[in-house]
Amino acid sequence: MLKFDDRVAVAVSGGKDRLTLLYILKKMFAQRNRTEIIAITIDEGIKGYRDESLEIVKDFCSKLNVQSKILSYDYLYGTDMDKAMVLRPSGKKMTSCSICGTFRRRAMDIAAESVGANVLATAHNLDDQLQTYMINILAGDVERVGWIYPEPIRYSINNIKKIKPFVEIYENEIAFYALQRQIPFQSEECPYTHESIRTQVRQFLNELEKEHPGIKYNAYNSTMRISKNLKSSMRPDARSKCAKCGRISTGKICSVCKTIKALRQEEY
């Protein structure tokens, strides 16, 4: 996933997974002066909730002696999540997580590009990956299943490589490690998380794991085989450039531009 001389942007919030990833990568490459680790943080603009995590990230990066950069939704898109929740059209099915996820992926790309990184590391774990697969299946988004295959991929206009070092590790194992290493993290959940089906999917899978230990890992392996086959069957020209912003898109207009237009209640 990584090699000597890489400049690695680590997507960091106040959560345990992301701070643990930053801690481990910094520890691994502490003696390699030419491998640089940089923390990038996205401020969604959720009053009260994000303020605490930004402070945690700031203090932790200072302790690790890691350079950090923050970009906000408001700066990038002219709106934040609190405003978006008010602006979203009632006639369309736009959940907080769909808006935030669309904005966050683009924001991380831009943040990584802005610090000159050639690698973007995210802390998606086994639970995240399995939940995303289930959500896509339940929503009928079969095409997206091919996108979640976790092999290092190059994307964005600057050909940045995206990696997921924690993708085969259980969420509770990462939490245990964070507690043992006394890594600070925000325990409070996002106030908008109740809108997502992810919480229900997580609870369902955790109950299965409790009754049948190892079933999540087995399911993960199965989903990755399916995802890999779907990805290999995708047309090489399936991704083009957005006619509005010029960034990578699977259609004529990218999801970010569509979301912004919808929030402004404008039509193309």
Protein backbone atom coordinates (compact mmCIF):
# COMPACT_ATOMS: atom_id res chain seq x y z
CA MET A 1 0.00 0.00 0.00
CA LEU A 2 2.84 2.38 0.85
CA LYS A 3 6.41 2.83 -0.26
CA PHE A 4 9.45 4.92 0.52
CA ASP A 5 9.11 8.60 -0.44
CA ASP A 6 5.29 8.60 -0.35
CA ARG A 7 3.54 11.73 0.89
CA VAL A 8 0.53 10.34 2.73
CA ALA A 9 -2.60 12.32 3.59
CA VAL A 10 -4.47 10.59 6.41
CA ALA A 11 -8.18 11.42 6.63
CA VAL A 12 -8.67 12.26 10.31
CA SER A 13 -11.66 13.26 12.42
CA GLY A 14 -12.16 12.85 16.13
CA GLY A 15 -13.14 9.19 15.73
CA LYS A 16 -11.15 6.25 17.13
CA ASP A 17 -10.47 4.56 13.78
CA ARG A 18 -9.01 7.62 12.10
CA LEU A 19 -6.88 8.78 15.02
CA THR A 20 -5.59 5.23 15.49
CA LEU A 21 -4.63 5.03 11.82
CA LEU A 22 -2.75 8.32 12.10
CA TYR A 23 -0.98 7.07 15.23
CA ILE A 24 0.08 3.77 13.64
CA LEU A 25 1.27 5.29 10.35
CA LYS A 26 3.24 7.95 12.20
CA LYS A 27 4.80 5.27 14.39
CA MET A 28 5.66 3.07 11.39
CA PHE A 29 7.32 5.85 9.43
CA ALA A 30 8.79 7.88 12.30
CA GLN A 31 12.36 6.94 11.30
CA ARG A 32 11.80 7.42 7.58
CA ASN A 33 12.35 11.12 7.13
CA ARG A 34 11.43 11.02 3.44
CA THR A 35 8.02 9.43 4.04
CA GLU A 36 5.71 12.21 5.17
CA ILE A 37 2.45 11.81 7.06
CA ILE A 38 -0.06 14.68 6.95
CA ALA A 39 -3.46 14.79 8.66
CA ILE A 40 -6.41 16.20 6.71
CA THR A 41 -9.67 16.97 8.46
CA ILE A 42 -13.05 17.92 7.01
CA ASP A 43 -15.27 20.31 8.95
CA GLU A 44 -18.85 19.50 7.95
CA GLY A 45 -20.24 22.40 9.94
CA ILE A 46 -22.29 20.50 12.54
CA LYS A 47 -22.54 22.86 15.48
CA GLY A 48 -21.39 21.41 18.78
CA TYR A 49 -20.53 17.97 17.42
CA ARG A 50 -17.67 18.83 15.05
CA ASP A 51 -16.24 21.56 17.28
CA GLU A 52 -15.19 18.99 19.89
CA SER A 53 -13.57 16.63 17.39
CA LEU A 54 -11.60 19.44 15.72
CA GLU A 55 -10.07 20.27 19.09
CA ILE A 56 -9.18 16.60 19.68
CA VAL A 57 -7.52 16.36 16.27
CA LYS A 58 -5.59 19.60 16.80
CA ASP A 59 -4.19 18.44 20.15
CA PHE A 60 -3.38 14.92 18.93
CA CYS A 61 -1.57 16.14 15.80
CA SER A 62 0.45 18.53 17.95
CA LYS A 63 1.39 15.66 20.27
CA LEU A 64 2.49 13.46 17.33
CA ASN A 65 4.22 16.39 15.60
CA VAL A 66 2.11 15.85 12.48
CA GLN A 67 1.20 18.63 10.05
CA SER A 68 -2.56 19.06 9.70
CA LYS A 69 -4.96 20.83 7.39
CA ILE A 70 -8.68 21.55 7.75
CA LEU A 71 -11.14 22.22 4.94
CA SER A 72 -14.79 23.04 5.50
CA TYR A 73 -17.93 22.27 3.52
CA ASP A 74 -18.84 25.94 3.75
CA TYR A 75 -15.57 26.96 2.08
CA LEU A 76 -15.80 24.29 -0.64
CA TYR A 77 -19.52 24.25 -1.38
CA GLY A 78 -20.94 27.47 0.06
CA THR A 79 -23.00 25.55 2.62
CA ASP A 80 -22.46 23.31 5.64
CA MET A 81 -24.41 20.33 6.96
CA ASP A 82 -26.59 22.32 9.34
CA LYS A 83 -27.63 24.61 6.48
CA ALA A 84 -28.02 21.69 4.07
CA MET A 85 -30.47 19.98 6.41
CA VAL A 86 -32.69 23.06 6.18
CA LEU A 87 -32.22 23.61 2.46
CA ARG A 88 -32.75 20.05 1.21
CA PRO A 89 -35.93 19.70 -0.86
CA SER A 90 -38.69 17.79 0.89
CA GLY A 91 -39.88 16.08 -2.26
CA LYS A 92 -36.60 14.26 -2.84
CA LYS A 93 -35.07 11.47 -0.77
CA MET A 94 -31.91 13.21 0.45
CA THR A 95 -30.71 11.85 3.77
CA SER A 96 -28.09 13.59 5.85
CA CYS A 97 -25.64 10.73 5.22
CA SER A 98 -26.11 10.81 1.44
CA ILE A 99 -25.42 14.56 1.37
CA CYS A 100 -22.50 14.33 3.78
CA GLY A 101 -20.96 11.27 2.12
CA THR A 102 -21.07 12.92 -1.31
CA PHE A 103 -19.48 16.12 0.00
CA ARG A 104 -16.92 14.33 2.18
CA ARG A 105 -15.45 12.16 -0.59
CA ARG A 106 -14.84 15.21 -2.77
CA ALA A 107 -13.53 17.26 0.16
CA MET A 108 -10.97 14.57 1.03
CA ASP A 109 -9.79 14.50 -2.60
CA ILE A 110 -9.31 18.26 -2.61
CA ALA A 111 -7.62 18.28 0.81
CA ALA A 112 -5.18 15.55 -0.24
CA GLU A 113 -4.40 17.42 -3.46
CA SER A 114 -3.90 20.70 -1.58
CA VAL A 115 -1.10 19.23 0.59
CA GLY A 116 0.62 17.61 -2.38
CA ALA A 117 -0.09 14.03 -1.27
CA ASN A 118 0.24 11.13 -3.67
CA VAL A 119 -1.56 8.74 -1.28
CA LEU A 120 -4.82 9.17 0.66
CA ALA A 121 -5.29 6.77 3.58
CA THR A 122 -8.73 6.27 5.10
CA ALA A 123 -9.60 4.27 8.21
CA HIS A 124 -12.48 2.19 6.82
CA ASN A 125 -12.60 -1.06 8.79
CA LEU A 126 -14.15 -4.47 8.12
CA ASP A 127 -17.45 -3.42 9.69
CA ASP A 128 -17.62 -0.27 7.53
CA GLN A 129 -16.94 -2.25 4.38
CA LEU A 130 -19.52 -4.91 5.13
CA GLN A 131 -22.15 -2.34 6.13
CA THR A 132 -21.59 -0.38 2.91
CA TYR A 133 -22.03 -3.54 0.87
CA MET A 134 -25.32 -4.34 2.62
CA ILE A 135 -26.59 -0.77 2.25
CA ASN A 136 -25.84 -0.79 -1.49
CA ILE A 137 -27.63 -4.12 -1.93
CA LEU A 138 -30.67 -2.98 0.07
CA ALA A 139 -30.81 0.30 -1.87
CA GLY A 140 -30.53 -1.47 -5.23
CA ASP A 141 -27.20 0.24 -6.05
CA VAL A 142 -25.55 -2.88 -7.44
CA GLU A 143 -23.06 -0.87 -9.51
CA ARG A 144 -21.61 0.69 -6.38
CA VAL A 145 -20.66 -2.74 -5.03
CA GLY A 146 -17.83 -2.87 -7.56
CA TRP A 147 -16.48 0.46 -6.31
CA ILE A 148 -15.91 -0.72 -2.73
CA TYR A 149 -13.29 -3.34 -3.58
CA PRO A 150 -10.39 -2.17 -1.36
CA GLU A 151 -7.36 -2.65 -3.60
CA PRO A 152 -5.20 0.48 -3.80
CA ILE A 153 -6.64 2.57 -6.63
CA ARG A 154 -5.54 5.74 -8.39
CA TYR A 155 -8.22 8.36 -8.85
CA SER A 156 -9.01 12.09 -8.90
CA ILE A 157 -7.56 14.57 -11.36
CA ASN A 158 -4.11 14.25 -9.75
CA ASN A 159 -3.99 10.43 -9.86
CA ILE A 160 -3.85 10.04 -6.07
CA LYS A 161 -3.73 6.49 -4.74
CA LYS A 162 -6.39 5.63 -2.15
CA ILE A 163 -5.71 2.94 0.46
CA LYS A 164 -7.64 1.35 3.34
CA PRO A 165 -5.11 -0.17 5.78
CA PHE A 166 -7.75 -1.21 8.36
CA VAL A 167 -10.15 -2.88 5.95
CA GLU A 168 -9.71 -6.41 7.38
CA ILE A 169 -9.86 -5.37 11.04
CA TYR A 170 -12.98 -5.43 13.22
CA GLU A 171 -14.17 -2.08 14.57
CA ASN A 172 -14.11 -3.31 18.17
CA GLU A 173 -10.48 -4.41 17.81
CA ILE A 174 -9.50 -0.90 16.73
CA ALA A 175 -11.43 0.55 19.68
CA PHE A 176 -9.61 -1.80 22.07
CA TYR A 177 -6.24 -0.77 20.61
CA ALA A 178 -7.13 2.92 20.94
CA LEU A 179 -8.05 2.44 24.60
CA GLN A 180 -4.86 0.47 25.32
CA ARG A 181 -2.71 3.15 23.68
CA GLN A 182 -4.69 5.91 25.38
CA ILE A 183 -5.55 7.50 22.06
CA PRO A 184 -8.20 10.20 22.68
CA PHE A 185 -11.31 10.09 20.56
CA GLN A 186 -14.81 11.50 20.40
CA SER A 187 -17.43 9.05 21.60
CA GLU A 188 -20.50 11.17 20.78
CA GLU A 189 -22.34 10.15 17.60
CA CYS A 190 -23.26 12.55 14.82
CA PRO A 191 -26.67 14.13 15.61
CA TYR A 192 -27.89 13.25 12.10
CA THR A 193 -26.93 9.57 12.22
CA HIS A 194 -30.49 8.48 13.04
CA GLU A 195 -31.52 9.14 9.43
CA SER A 196 -29.23 6.44 8.06
CA ILE A 197 -30.01 2.75 7.70
CA ARG A 198 -26.35 2.10 8.57
CA THR A 199 -27.09 2.05 12.31
CA GLN A 200 -29.70 -0.69 11.86
CA VAL A 201 -27.40 -2.69 9.58
CA ARG A 202 -24.59 -2.37 12.13
CA GLN A 203 -26.83 -3.61 14.94
CA PHE A 204 -28.07 -6.53 12.83
CA LEU A 205 -24.54 -7.65 11.92
CA ASN A 206 -23.29 -7.25 15.49
CA GLU A 207 -26.11 -9.45 16.78
CA LEU A 208 -25.22 -12.12 14.22
CA GLU A 209 -21.57 -11.92 15.23
CA LYS A 210 -22.50 -12.30 18.89
CA GLU A 211 -24.41 -15.51 18.18
CA HIS A 212 -22.01 -16.77 15.47
CA PRO A 213 -18.46 -15.51 16.10
CA GLY A 214 -16.54 -14.98 12.87
CA ILE A 215 -19.61 -14.61 10.66
CA LYS A 216 -18.77 -10.98 9.80
CA TYR A 217 -15.32 -11.96 8.60
CA ASN A 218 -16.78 -14.76 6.47
CA ALA A 219 -19.37 -12.35 5.05
CA TYR A 220 -16.64 -9.79 4.35
CA ASN A 221 -14.64 -12.33 2.33
CA SER A 222 -17.75 -13.22 0.32
CA THR A 223 -18.64 -9.59 -0.38
CA MET A 224 -15.10 -8.84 -1.52
CA ARG A 225 -15.18 -11.69 -4.02
CA ILE A 226 -18.44 -10.35 -5.42
CA SER A 227 -17.11 -6.78 -5.43
CA LYS A 228 -13.91 -7.82 -7.22
CA ASN A 229 -15.84 -9.65 -9.95
CA LEU A 230 -18.14 -6.66 -10.46
CA LYS A 231 -15.21 -4.27 -10.57
CA SER A 232 -13.40 -6.33 -13.18
CA SER A 233 -16.52 -6.30 -15.37
CA MET A 234 -16.91 -2.51 -15.22
CA ARG A 235 -16.13 -0.70 -18.46
CA PRO A 236 -12.74 1.05 -18.35
CA ASP A 237 -14.41 4.25 -19.60
CA ALA A 238 -17.14 4.10 -16.92
CA ARG A 239 -15.70 7.21 -15.29
CA SER A 240 -15.58 10.48 -17.23
CA LYS A 241 -15.39 14.17 -16.30
CA CYS A 242 -18.25 16.26 -14.93
CA ALA A 243 -19.49 18.86 -17.41
CA LYS A 244 -19.93 21.37 -14.56
CA CYS A 245 -16.77 21.08 -12.42
CA GLY A 246 -14.46 18.95 -14.55
CA ARG A 247 -13.78 16.36 -11.86
CA ILE A 248 -14.12 12.58 -12.12
CA SER A 249 -17.73 11.46 -12.59
CA THR A 250 -19.68 8.37 -13.62
CA GLY A 251 -22.16 10.51 -15.52
CA LYS A 252 -22.40 13.80 -17.34
CA ILE A 253 -22.91 15.67 -14.05
CA CYS A 254 -21.16 14.50 -10.86
CA SER A 255 -23.01 13.76 -7.63
CA VAL A 256 -21.52 16.79 -5.87
CA CYS A 257 -22.81 19.24 -8.47
CA LYS A 258 -26.20 17.50 -8.48
CA THR A 259 -26.42 17.77 -4.69
CA ILE A 260 -25.49 21.47 -4.66
CA LYS A 261 -28.10 22.19 -7.34
CA ALA A 262 -30.73 20.25 -5.42
CA LEU A 263 -29.98 22.20 -2.23
CA ARG A 264 -30.38 25.43 -4.18
CA GLN A 265 -33.55 23.94 -5.67
CA GLU A 266 -32.36 24.66 -9.19
CA GLU A 267 -32.81 22.53 -12.28
CA TYR A 268 -30.30 21.73 -14.99
